Structure formats: C-alpha cells, structure tokens
Amino acid sequence: MKNIDLRFGVKPALLLPLLLLSLSVSYATQNQTMDTPDAAPASSSSSSSSSPISGAQSYALTDAQRAELITKAEAGDAEAAFRLSLYYTFTSSDDVQRIRWLTIAAKAGHVVAQHNLAYDLYMSGKDLAEAAHWAAESSKSGNAEAGDLLKEIEAARAKARGSRP
C-alpha cells in the first residue's frame, strides 16, 4: 500500500471501512441532499439525475447545506453530524473536523459513526479503551461487525497490557 497516492490525506487502512459503512447512509444522502429531496444536487451538472457522479460529488455540500447540517448536528441530530463527518472525510479532507463530527454523531447514538470512531481510534492506536467503548456501543445497537472489531480491540489491549514492564 505504500505505492498508493491518496491525495486526500486519508489513511488507506481507514478508507475501505469508511466507504463500506457509508453505504448505509440515508436515502437523502444518496440523492446528494439532506432534507430537501427536490433541491438541486450538489453537482453543478444540469444532466439527468441518472447520470453518474464521482464519489466525492456524492458527499459534497453547498455552504447552505453545510450550515443547515451544523445547526441540526449541534442540536443533537446524529444523522446530520454523521453526514458532516462524511463531508470532511471525502470532500474537504479535514481530519480535525471529521473526528469532531464523527464523535458528535457517535455520542448521539449513530451506530455507523460509533463503529467508524472505534475503528479510527483502534487503527491509530490513540486510545484502545475508547475504541473498545465505541465498538461495544455499536455492537449493542445490533452492528455485528462492531462485535468483531471489539474482539480485535480487546486482543490488542490484552497484548499491550502483557507487554508492559
């Protein structure tokens, strides 16, 4: 993977799970808008809605859409916070904002955000205890993959404890 050129600042190990888990994003996201399905898509193309778009375009937001999502997310809307985390992951490539909105979505109970946050914390090695917490929360909500992730995290935690002097 060292030869892969990811000009977006996303670590290769984080990209695949984020892409796979983001597929469960709501119908509104698939139509490139949040709460206004009749609004113009984020793409500036005037072609029919069945024309293909790039992956980045599917996560793009206008300034107005981003402002609306921020207002909703700050008021506790988990889906809005998760949508912002996707924007900052795939369109803006702002890791600080990505983690901020992912954490807000996870705390608000968004199952995929909980899993993604657990995975990010685990893969970065930043905080295995926190990673285990979020994997357990996602697993409790029915995410089977989070249960598998939790097992991996617990094994890593046990290994880390065993290697201490």
N, C-alpha and C. Protein backbone atom coordinates (compact mmCIF):
# COMPACT_ATOMS: atom_id res chain seq x y z
N MET A 1 0.81 -1.20 0.00
CA MET A 1 0.00 0.00 0.00
C MET A 1 0.85 1.27 0.00
N LYS A 2 2.12 1.14 0.16
CA LYS A 2 2.96 2.33 0.18
C LYS A 2 2.96 3.05 -1.16
N ASN A 3 2.65 2.36 -2.25
CA ASN A 3 2.67 2.98 -3.57
C ASN A 3 1.37 3.68 -3.92
N ILE A 4 0.36 3.59 -3.09
CA ILE A 4 -0.91 4.24 -3.36
C ILE A 4 -0.79 5.72 -3.02
N ASP A 5 -1.19 6.57 -3.95
CA ASP A 5 -1.12 8.00 -3.75
C ASP A 5 -2.51 8.51 -3.40
N LEU A 6 -2.75 8.72 -2.11
CA LEU A 6 -4.03 9.25 -1.66
C LEU A 6 -3.86 10.73 -1.39
N ARG A 7 -4.22 11.53 -2.32
CA ARG A 7 -4.01 12.98 -2.21
C ARG A 7 -5.02 13.64 -1.27
N PHE A 8 -5.84 12.86 -0.61
CA PHE A 8 -6.85 13.42 0.26
C PHE A 8 -6.47 13.33 1.73
N GLY A 9 -5.33 12.76 2.06
CA GLY A 9 -4.89 12.69 3.44
C GLY A 9 -5.57 11.59 4.24
N VAL A 10 -6.28 10.67 3.60
CA VAL A 10 -6.96 9.59 4.29
C VAL A 10 -6.03 8.39 4.30
N LYS A 11 -5.86 7.77 5.46
CA LYS A 11 -5.02 6.60 5.57
C LYS A 11 -5.69 5.43 4.85
N PRO A 12 -4.92 4.66 4.06
CA PRO A 12 -5.51 3.53 3.32
C PRO A 12 -6.27 2.56 4.23
N ALA A 13 -5.77 2.33 5.44
CA ALA A 13 -6.43 1.39 6.35
C ALA A 13 -7.80 1.90 6.79
N LEU A 14 -8.01 3.20 6.76
CA LEU A 14 -9.28 3.77 7.19
C LEU A 14 -10.27 3.91 6.04
N LEU A 15 -9.78 3.95 4.82
CA LEU A 15 -10.62 4.26 3.69
C LEU A 15 -11.66 3.18 3.39
N LEU A 16 -11.27 1.93 3.32
CA LEU A 16 -12.22 0.87 2.96
C LEU A 16 -13.36 0.74 3.96
N PRO A 17 -13.10 0.64 5.26
CA PRO A 17 -14.23 0.52 6.18
C PRO A 17 -15.15 1.74 6.13
N LEU A 18 -14.57 2.92 5.97
CA LEU A 18 -15.41 4.11 5.89
C LEU A 18 -16.28 4.08 4.64
N LEU A 19 -15.71 3.63 3.53
CA LEU A 19 -16.50 3.54 2.31
C LEU A 19 -17.61 2.50 2.44
N LEU A 20 -17.28 1.35 3.00
CA LEU A 20 -18.28 0.30 3.14
C LEU A 20 -19.39 0.70 4.09
N LEU A 21 -19.02 1.30 5.21
CA LEU A 21 -20.03 1.67 6.19
C LEU A 21 -20.85 2.87 5.77
N SER A 22 -20.27 3.72 4.94
CA SER A 22 -21.02 4.89 4.50
C SER A 22 -22.13 4.52 3.52
N LEU A 23 -22.10 3.29 3.01
CA LEU A 23 -23.17 2.87 2.10
C LEU A 23 -24.51 2.80 2.79
N SER A 24 -24.51 2.76 4.12
CA SER A 24 -25.78 2.68 4.83
C SER A 24 -26.37 4.06 5.12
N VAL A 25 -25.74 5.09 4.59
CA VAL A 25 -26.24 6.44 4.79
C VAL A 25 -27.62 6.56 4.16
N SER A 26 -28.42 7.41 4.69
CA SER A 26 -29.82 7.53 4.30
C SER A 26 -30.05 7.83 2.83
N TYR A 27 -31.29 7.60 2.40
CA TYR A 27 -31.73 7.86 1.04
C TYR A 27 -31.43 9.31 0.65
N ALA A 28 -31.56 10.20 1.60
CA ALA A 28 -31.31 11.62 1.30
C ALA A 28 -29.88 11.84 0.87
N THR A 29 -28.94 11.19 1.51
CA THR A 29 -27.54 11.34 1.14
C THR A 29 -27.31 10.78 -0.25
N GLN A 30 -27.96 9.69 -0.58
CA GLN A 30 -27.79 9.10 -1.90
C GLN A 30 -28.28 10.06 -2.97
N ASN A 31 -29.18 10.93 -2.63
CA ASN A 31 -29.68 11.91 -3.58
C ASN A 31 -28.97 13.24 -3.46
N GLN A 32 -27.89 13.27 -2.74
CA GLN A 32 -26.98 14.41 -2.62
C GLN A 32 -27.57 15.58 -1.84
N THR A 33 -28.63 15.38 -1.11
CA THR A 33 -29.17 16.44 -0.28
C THR A 33 -29.52 15.86 1.07
N MET A 34 -29.79 16.72 2.04
CA MET A 34 -30.11 16.21 3.36
C MET A 34 -31.61 16.07 3.55
N ASP A 35 -32.31 17.16 3.63
CA ASP A 35 -33.74 17.10 3.93
C ASP A 35 -34.61 17.64 2.81
N THR A 36 -34.01 17.99 1.72
CA THR A 36 -34.78 18.57 0.63
C THR A 36 -34.54 17.78 -0.64
N PRO A 37 -35.28 16.66 -0.83
CA PRO A 37 -35.04 15.82 -1.99
C PRO A 37 -35.29 16.51 -3.32
N ASP A 38 -36.05 17.60 -3.32
CA ASP A 38 -36.31 18.30 -4.57
C ASP A 38 -35.28 19.40 -4.85
N ALA A 39 -34.33 19.56 -3.94
CA ALA A 39 -33.30 20.58 -4.14
C ALA A 39 -32.32 20.12 -5.20
N ALA A 40 -31.60 21.08 -5.76
CA ALA A 40 -30.61 20.75 -6.78
C ALA A 40 -29.51 19.91 -6.16
N PRO A 41 -28.97 18.95 -6.89
CA PRO A 41 -27.88 18.15 -6.37
C PRO A 41 -26.64 18.99 -6.15
N ALA A 42 -25.73 18.46 -5.35
CA ALA A 42 -24.50 19.18 -5.05
C ALA A 42 -23.67 19.38 -6.30
N SER A 43 -23.80 18.50 -7.26
CA SER A 43 -23.09 18.63 -8.52
C SER A 43 -23.69 19.79 -9.32
N SER A 44 -22.84 20.52 -10.02
CA SER A 44 -23.35 21.64 -10.81
C SER A 44 -23.84 21.20 -12.17
N SER A 45 -23.76 19.94 -12.46
CA SER A 45 -24.19 19.41 -13.75
C SER A 45 -25.70 19.55 -13.91
N SER A 46 -26.13 19.87 -15.12
CA SER A 46 -27.56 20.00 -15.37
C SER A 46 -28.13 18.77 -16.05
N SER A 47 -27.36 17.69 -16.11
CA SER A 47 -27.84 16.47 -16.75
C SER A 47 -28.84 15.76 -15.87
N SER A 48 -29.44 14.71 -16.39
CA SER A 48 -30.49 14.00 -15.67
C SER A 48 -29.96 13.38 -14.39
N SER A 49 -30.87 13.07 -13.46
CA SER A 49 -30.47 12.55 -12.17
C SER A 49 -29.90 11.15 -12.26
N SER A 50 -30.04 10.48 -13.39
CA SER A 50 -29.50 9.14 -13.53
C SER A 50 -28.05 9.15 -14.02
N SER A 51 -27.49 10.32 -14.31
CA SER A 51 -26.12 10.36 -14.78
C SER A 51 -25.16 10.08 -13.62
N PRO A 52 -24.05 9.42 -13.92
CA PRO A 52 -23.11 9.06 -12.85
C PRO A 52 -22.43 10.29 -12.29
N ILE A 53 -22.06 10.19 -11.02
CA ILE A 53 -21.31 11.25 -10.36
C ILE A 53 -20.11 10.61 -9.69
N SER A 54 -19.13 11.41 -9.35
CA SER A 54 -17.96 10.88 -8.67
C SER A 54 -18.29 10.66 -7.20
N GLY A 55 -17.47 9.86 -6.54
CA GLY A 55 -17.67 9.60 -5.11
C GLY A 55 -17.60 10.88 -4.29
N ALA A 56 -16.65 11.74 -4.62
CA ALA A 56 -16.52 12.99 -3.87
C ALA A 56 -17.76 13.87 -4.05
N GLN A 57 -18.30 13.89 -5.27
CA GLN A 57 -19.50 14.70 -5.51
C GLN A 57 -20.68 14.21 -4.67
N SER A 58 -20.76 12.93 -4.41
CA SER A 58 -21.89 12.42 -3.65
C SER A 58 -21.86 12.86 -2.20
N TYR A 59 -20.70 13.32 -1.72
CA TYR A 59 -20.58 13.81 -0.35
C TYR A 59 -20.49 15.33 -0.28
N ALA A 60 -20.46 15.99 -1.43
CA ALA A 60 -20.30 17.44 -1.46
C ALA A 60 -21.53 18.13 -0.88
N LEU A 61 -21.29 19.27 -0.27
CA LEU A 61 -22.36 20.08 0.31
C LEU A 61 -22.16 21.53 -0.12
N THR A 62 -23.25 22.22 -0.33
CA THR A 62 -23.16 23.66 -0.54
C THR A 62 -22.93 24.30 0.82
N ASP A 63 -22.55 25.56 0.82
CA ASP A 63 -22.37 26.27 2.09
C ASP A 63 -23.67 26.28 2.89
N ALA A 64 -24.79 26.46 2.21
CA ALA A 64 -26.10 26.49 2.89
C ALA A 64 -26.43 25.12 3.49
N GLN A 65 -26.17 24.06 2.74
CA GLN A 65 -26.43 22.71 3.27
C GLN A 65 -25.55 22.43 4.47
N ARG A 66 -24.28 22.82 4.38
CA ARG A 66 -23.36 22.60 5.50
C ARG A 66 -23.81 23.38 6.73
N ALA A 67 -24.22 24.62 6.54
CA ALA A 67 -24.70 25.43 7.67
C ALA A 67 -25.93 24.81 8.31
N GLU A 68 -26.84 24.30 7.47
CA GLU A 68 -28.05 23.67 8.00
C GLU A 68 -27.71 22.39 8.78
N LEU A 69 -26.80 21.63 8.25
CA LEU A 69 -26.38 20.41 8.94
C LEU A 69 -25.68 20.71 10.26
N ILE A 70 -24.86 21.74 10.27
CA ILE A 70 -24.17 22.13 11.51
C ILE A 70 -25.19 22.50 12.57
N THR A 71 -26.19 23.28 12.19
CA THR A 71 -27.23 23.68 13.14
C THR A 71 -27.94 22.45 13.69
N LYS A 72 -28.31 21.52 12.82
CA LYS A 72 -29.00 20.31 13.24
C LYS A 72 -28.10 19.43 14.11
N ALA A 73 -26.86 19.27 13.70
CA ALA A 73 -25.92 18.42 14.44
C ALA A 73 -25.67 18.97 15.84
N GLU A 74 -25.50 20.27 15.93
CA GLU A 74 -25.27 20.89 17.24
C GLU A 74 -26.49 20.79 18.13
N ALA A 75 -27.66 20.58 17.52
CA ALA A 75 -28.90 20.40 18.29
C ALA A 75 -29.15 18.92 18.63
N GLY A 76 -28.20 18.05 18.23
CA GLY A 76 -28.32 16.65 18.60
C GLY A 76 -28.72 15.69 17.50
N ASP A 77 -28.80 16.15 16.26
CA ASP A 77 -29.19 15.30 15.14
C ASP A 77 -28.00 14.44 14.72
N ALA A 78 -28.06 13.14 15.05
CA ALA A 78 -26.96 12.22 14.78
C ALA A 78 -26.69 12.07 13.29
N GLU A 79 -27.74 11.98 12.50
CA GLU A 79 -27.57 11.81 11.05
C GLU A 79 -26.89 13.03 10.42
N ALA A 80 -27.25 14.22 10.88
CA ALA A 80 -26.62 15.43 10.37
C ALA A 80 -25.13 15.46 10.72
N ALA A 81 -24.79 15.09 11.94
CA ALA A 81 -23.39 15.06 12.36
C ALA A 81 -22.61 14.02 11.55
N PHE A 82 -23.24 12.86 11.31
CA PHE A 82 -22.58 11.82 10.53
C PHE A 82 -22.36 12.29 9.10
N ARG A 83 -23.34 12.96 8.53
CA ARG A 83 -23.23 13.49 7.17
C ARG A 83 -22.08 14.49 7.08
N LEU A 84 -21.92 15.31 8.11
CA LEU A 84 -20.80 16.25 8.14
C LEU A 84 -19.47 15.50 8.23
N SER A 85 -19.44 14.42 9.00
CA SER A 85 -18.19 13.64 9.09
C SER A 85 -17.81 13.07 7.72
N LEU A 86 -18.81 12.65 6.96
CA LEU A 86 -18.54 12.14 5.61
C LEU A 86 -18.03 13.25 4.70
N TYR A 87 -18.63 14.42 4.82
CA TYR A 87 -18.18 15.56 4.03
C TYR A 87 -16.70 15.85 4.32
N TYR A 88 -16.35 15.90 5.61
CA TYR A 88 -14.98 16.22 5.97
C TYR A 88 -14.01 15.07 5.71
N THR A 89 -14.52 13.88 5.53
CA THR A 89 -13.67 12.74 5.17
C THR A 89 -13.38 12.73 3.69
N PHE A 90 -14.41 12.84 2.87
CA PHE A 90 -14.26 12.59 1.44
C PHE A 90 -14.19 13.84 0.58
N THR A 91 -14.67 14.96 1.04
CA THR A 91 -14.68 16.15 0.21
C THR A 91 -13.68 17.19 0.69
N SER A 92 -13.69 17.49 1.95
CA SER A 92 -12.84 18.53 2.49
C SER A 92 -11.50 18.01 3.02
N SER A 93 -11.44 16.75 3.39
CA SER A 93 -10.22 16.13 3.93
C SER A 93 -9.67 16.90 5.13
N ASP A 94 -10.55 17.24 6.05
CA ASP A 94 -10.17 17.94 7.27
C ASP A 94 -10.33 16.96 8.42
N ASP A 95 -9.21 16.37 8.86
CA ASP A 95 -9.25 15.32 9.87
C ASP A 95 -9.79 15.80 11.21
N VAL A 96 -9.48 17.01 11.59
CA VAL A 96 -9.96 17.55 12.87
C VAL A 96 -11.49 17.65 12.86
N GLN A 97 -12.04 18.21 11.79
CA GLN A 97 -13.49 18.33 11.67
C GLN A 97 -14.15 16.96 11.51
N ARG A 98 -13.51 16.06 10.77
CA ARG A 98 -14.04 14.72 10.59
C ARG A 98 -14.23 14.03 11.94
N ILE A 99 -13.21 14.08 12.77
CA ILE A 99 -13.29 13.44 14.09
C ILE A 99 -14.30 14.17 14.97
N ARG A 100 -14.35 15.48 14.88
CA ARG A 100 -15.31 16.25 15.68
C ARG A 100 -16.74 15.79 15.41
N TRP A 101 -17.12 15.76 14.13
CA TRP A 101 -18.50 15.41 13.77
C TRP A 101 -18.77 13.92 13.94
N LEU A 102 -17.76 13.10 13.73
CA LEU A 102 -17.92 11.66 13.94
C LEU A 102 -18.17 11.39 15.42
N THR A 103 -17.47 12.07 16.30
CA THR A 103 -17.66 11.92 17.75
C THR A 103 -19.04 12.40 18.17
N ILE A 104 -19.47 13.52 17.64
CA ILE A 104 -20.81 14.04 17.96
C ILE A 104 -21.88 13.05 17.51
N ALA A 105 -21.72 12.51 16.30
CA ALA A 105 -22.69 11.52 15.80
C ALA A 105 -22.69 10.27 16.65
N ALA A 106 -21.51 9.80 17.04
CA ALA A 106 -21.40 8.60 17.88
C ALA A 106 -22.07 8.83 19.23
N LYS A 107 -21.81 9.98 19.84
CA LYS A 107 -22.42 10.28 21.14
C LYS A 107 -23.94 10.40 21.04
N ALA A 108 -24.43 10.79 19.86
CA ALA A 108 -25.88 10.92 19.65
C ALA A 108 -26.52 9.58 19.29
N GLY A 109 -25.71 8.51 19.24
CA GLY A 109 -26.26 7.18 19.02
C GLY A 109 -26.22 6.65 17.61
N HIS A 110 -25.50 7.30 16.71
CA HIS A 110 -25.41 6.84 15.32
C HIS A 110 -24.52 5.59 15.29
N VAL A 111 -25.10 4.45 14.94
CA VAL A 111 -24.42 3.17 15.02
C VAL A 111 -23.19 3.09 14.11
N VAL A 112 -23.31 3.57 12.88
CA VAL A 112 -22.18 3.53 11.96
C VAL A 112 -21.08 4.49 12.43
N ALA A 113 -21.46 5.64 12.94
CA ALA A 113 -20.47 6.58 13.46
C ALA A 113 -19.73 5.97 14.65
N GLN A 114 -20.45 5.25 15.51
CA GLN A 114 -19.80 4.59 16.64
C GLN A 114 -18.77 3.58 16.15
N HIS A 115 -19.15 2.79 15.15
CA HIS A 115 -18.23 1.81 14.58
C HIS A 115 -17.03 2.50 13.94
N ASN A 116 -17.28 3.53 13.13
CA ASN A 116 -16.19 4.22 12.45
C ASN A 116 -15.24 4.88 13.44
N LEU A 117 -15.78 5.47 14.49
CA LEU A 117 -14.93 6.10 15.50
C LEU A 117 -14.10 5.03 16.23
N ALA A 118 -14.72 3.92 16.57
CA ALA A 118 -13.98 2.82 17.21
C ALA A 118 -12.85 2.35 16.31
N TYR A 119 -13.16 2.16 15.04
CA TYR A 119 -12.16 1.69 14.09
C TYR A 119 -11.02 2.69 13.96
N ASP A 120 -11.36 3.97 13.86
CA ASP A 120 -10.34 5.01 13.72
C ASP A 120 -9.43 5.05 14.95
N LEU A 121 -10.02 5.00 16.13
CA LEU A 121 -9.22 5.01 17.36
C LEU A 121 -8.34 3.78 17.47
N TYR A 122 -8.89 2.64 17.08
CA TYR A 122 -8.14 1.38 17.11
C TYR A 122 -6.97 1.41 16.13
N MET A 123 -7.25 1.77 14.89
CA MET A 123 -6.21 1.75 13.87
C MET A 123 -5.12 2.79 14.12
N SER A 124 -5.48 3.90 14.73
CA SER A 124 -4.48 4.93 15.01
C SER A 124 -3.70 4.61 16.28
N GLY A 125 -4.24 3.70 17.10
CA GLY A 125 -3.60 3.35 18.36
C GLY A 125 -3.69 4.45 19.40
N LYS A 126 -4.56 5.44 19.14
CA LYS A 126 -4.67 6.58 20.04
C LYS A 126 -5.24 6.23 21.40
N ASP A 127 -6.32 5.47 21.43
CA ASP A 127 -6.99 5.19 22.70
C ASP A 127 -7.79 3.89 22.56
N LEU A 128 -7.17 2.78 22.91
CA LEU A 128 -7.83 1.49 22.75
C LEU A 128 -9.02 1.33 23.69
N ALA A 129 -8.96 1.93 24.87
CA ALA A 129 -10.11 1.85 25.79
C ALA A 129 -11.32 2.57 25.20
N GLU A 130 -11.09 3.74 24.63
CA GLU A 130 -12.17 4.50 24.00
C GLU A 130 -12.68 3.77 22.75
N ALA A 131 -11.76 3.17 22.01
CA ALA A 131 -12.14 2.39 20.83
C ALA A 131 -13.04 1.23 21.24
N ALA A 132 -12.69 0.56 22.32
CA ALA A 132 -13.49 -0.56 22.82
C ALA A 132 -14.88 -0.07 23.24
N HIS A 133 -14.93 1.08 23.87
CA HIS A 133 -16.22 1.65 24.30
C HIS A 133 -17.15 1.85 23.10
N TRP A 134 -16.63 2.49 22.04
CA TRP A 134 -17.48 2.78 20.89
C TRP A 134 -17.84 1.53 20.10
N ALA A 135 -16.93 0.57 20.04
CA ALA A 135 -17.25 -0.70 19.37
C ALA A 135 -18.34 -1.42 20.14
N ALA A 136 -18.27 -1.39 21.47
CA ALA A 136 -19.30 -2.04 22.29
C ALA A 136 -20.65 -1.35 22.12
N GLU A 137 -20.65 -0.03 22.06
CA GLU A 137 -21.91 0.71 21.86
C GLU A 137 -22.54 0.36 20.52
N SER A 138 -21.73 0.31 19.48
CA SER A 138 -22.24 -0.03 18.16
C SER A 138 -22.74 -1.47 18.12
N SER A 139 -22.02 -2.34 18.78
CA SER A 139 -22.41 -3.75 18.83
C SER A 139 -23.75 -3.92 19.56
N LYS A 140 -23.91 -3.19 20.67
CA LYS A 140 -25.17 -3.24 21.44
C LYS A 140 -26.36 -2.81 20.59
N SER A 141 -26.10 -1.96 19.63
CA SER A 141 -27.17 -1.47 18.75
C SER A 141 -27.42 -2.39 17.57
N GLY A 142 -26.75 -3.53 17.55
CA GLY A 142 -27.01 -4.52 16.51
C GLY A 142 -26.01 -4.59 15.38
N ASN A 143 -24.92 -3.89 15.46
CA ASN A 143 -23.91 -3.91 14.41
C ASN A 143 -22.98 -5.11 14.65
N ALA A 144 -23.18 -6.17 13.87
CA ALA A 144 -22.39 -7.40 14.04
C ALA A 144 -20.90 -7.16 13.78
N GLU A 145 -20.58 -6.32 12.81
CA GLU A 145 -19.17 -6.04 12.52
C GLU A 145 -18.48 -5.37 13.70
N ALA A 146 -19.23 -4.60 14.47
CA ALA A 146 -18.66 -3.94 15.63
C ALA A 146 -18.27 -4.97 16.69
N GLY A 147 -19.03 -6.05 16.79
CA GLY A 147 -18.67 -7.11 17.73
C GLY A 147 -17.35 -7.74 17.37
N ASP A 148 -17.13 -7.95 16.08
CA ASP A 148 -15.84 -8.49 15.62
C ASP A 148 -14.72 -7.50 15.88
N LEU A 149 -14.99 -6.23 15.64
CA LEU A 149 -14.00 -5.19 15.90
C LEU A 149 -13.66 -5.14 17.38
N LEU A 150 -14.66 -5.25 18.22
CA LEU A 150 -14.44 -5.23 19.67
C LEU A 150 -13.50 -6.36 20.08
N LYS A 151 -13.68 -7.54 19.52
CA LYS A 151 -12.78 -8.66 19.82
C LYS A 151 -11.35 -8.32 19.44
N GLU A 152 -11.15 -7.72 18.29
CA GLU A 152 -9.81 -7.32 17.85
C GLU A 152 -9.21 -6.29 18.80
N ILE A 153 -10.02 -5.33 19.19
CA ILE A 153 -9.54 -4.27 20.08
C ILE A 153 -9.16 -4.86 21.44
N GLU A 154 -10.01 -5.73 21.96
CA GLU A 154 -9.72 -6.34 23.26
C GLU A 154 -8.45 -7.18 23.20
N ALA A 155 -8.23 -7.87 22.10
CA ALA A 155 -6.99 -8.64 21.93
C ALA A 155 -5.78 -7.71 21.92
N ALA A 156 -5.90 -6.58 21.24
CA ALA A 156 -4.81 -5.60 21.21
C ALA A 156 -4.57 -5.00 22.58
N ARG A 157 -5.64 -4.75 23.31
CA ARG A 157 -5.50 -4.22 24.67
C ARG A 157 -4.80 -5.23 25.57
N ALA A 158 -5.17 -6.50 25.46
CA ALA A 158 -4.55 -7.55 26.27
C ALA A 158 -3.07 -7.68 25.93
N LYS A 159 -2.76 -7.60 24.65
CA LYS A 159 -1.36 -7.69 24.21
C LYS A 159 -0.56 -6.50 24.76
N ALA A 160 -1.17 -5.31 24.72
CA ALA A 160 -0.50 -4.11 25.22
C ALA A 160 -0.25 -4.21 26.74
N ARG A 161 -1.22 -4.75 27.45
CA ARG A 161 -1.05 -4.93 28.91
C ARG A 161 0.04 -5.95 29.20
N GLY A 162 0.10 -6.98 28.38
CA GLY A 162 1.11 -8.03 28.57
C GLY A 162 2.52 -7.58 28.27
N SER A 163 2.67 -6.56 27.45
CA SER A 163 3.99 -6.09 27.06
C SER A 163 4.55 -5.02 27.99
N ARG A 164 3.75 -4.61 28.96
CA ARG A 164 4.23 -3.59 29.90
C ARG A 164 5.19 -4.20 30.89
N PRO A 165 6.21 -3.42 31.28
CA PRO A 165 7.20 -3.95 32.25
C PRO A 165 6.61 -4.11 33.63
